[in-house]
């Protein structure tokens, strides 16, 4: 299989195309004003929990806090093949991975009134 990576960059954006056997298999576009965070793993501190929408705002060290919905949580499998989801009382941190549906949002103070 022949694999090529083509890169086109200018001040406004960078485009990366991954080709396999002259077929496009992946196209990535990144703009400097919209840094891509999807798939990155962060260590953060929960600032606010919103049980009504099953979400939380998490300080991950960026200008704006991240919005994390319960459905975006990723639970790693333990070494014995069982999910760690039901482990309570352990001192280990839970890992979460950023997803396309979890844009960063600024959140300070109380939840807005409805």
Foldseek 3Di string as FASTA:
>chain_A
DDWDWDWDDDQAKIWIFIDDPNHTDDIDIDGPVDHDQAFPKADWAWDDADVVQQWTFTCRPDPFTKIGHPVQFDFDADPVRHTCVPDPPDPDDGIGGHHPVIDTHHDDDDDDDD
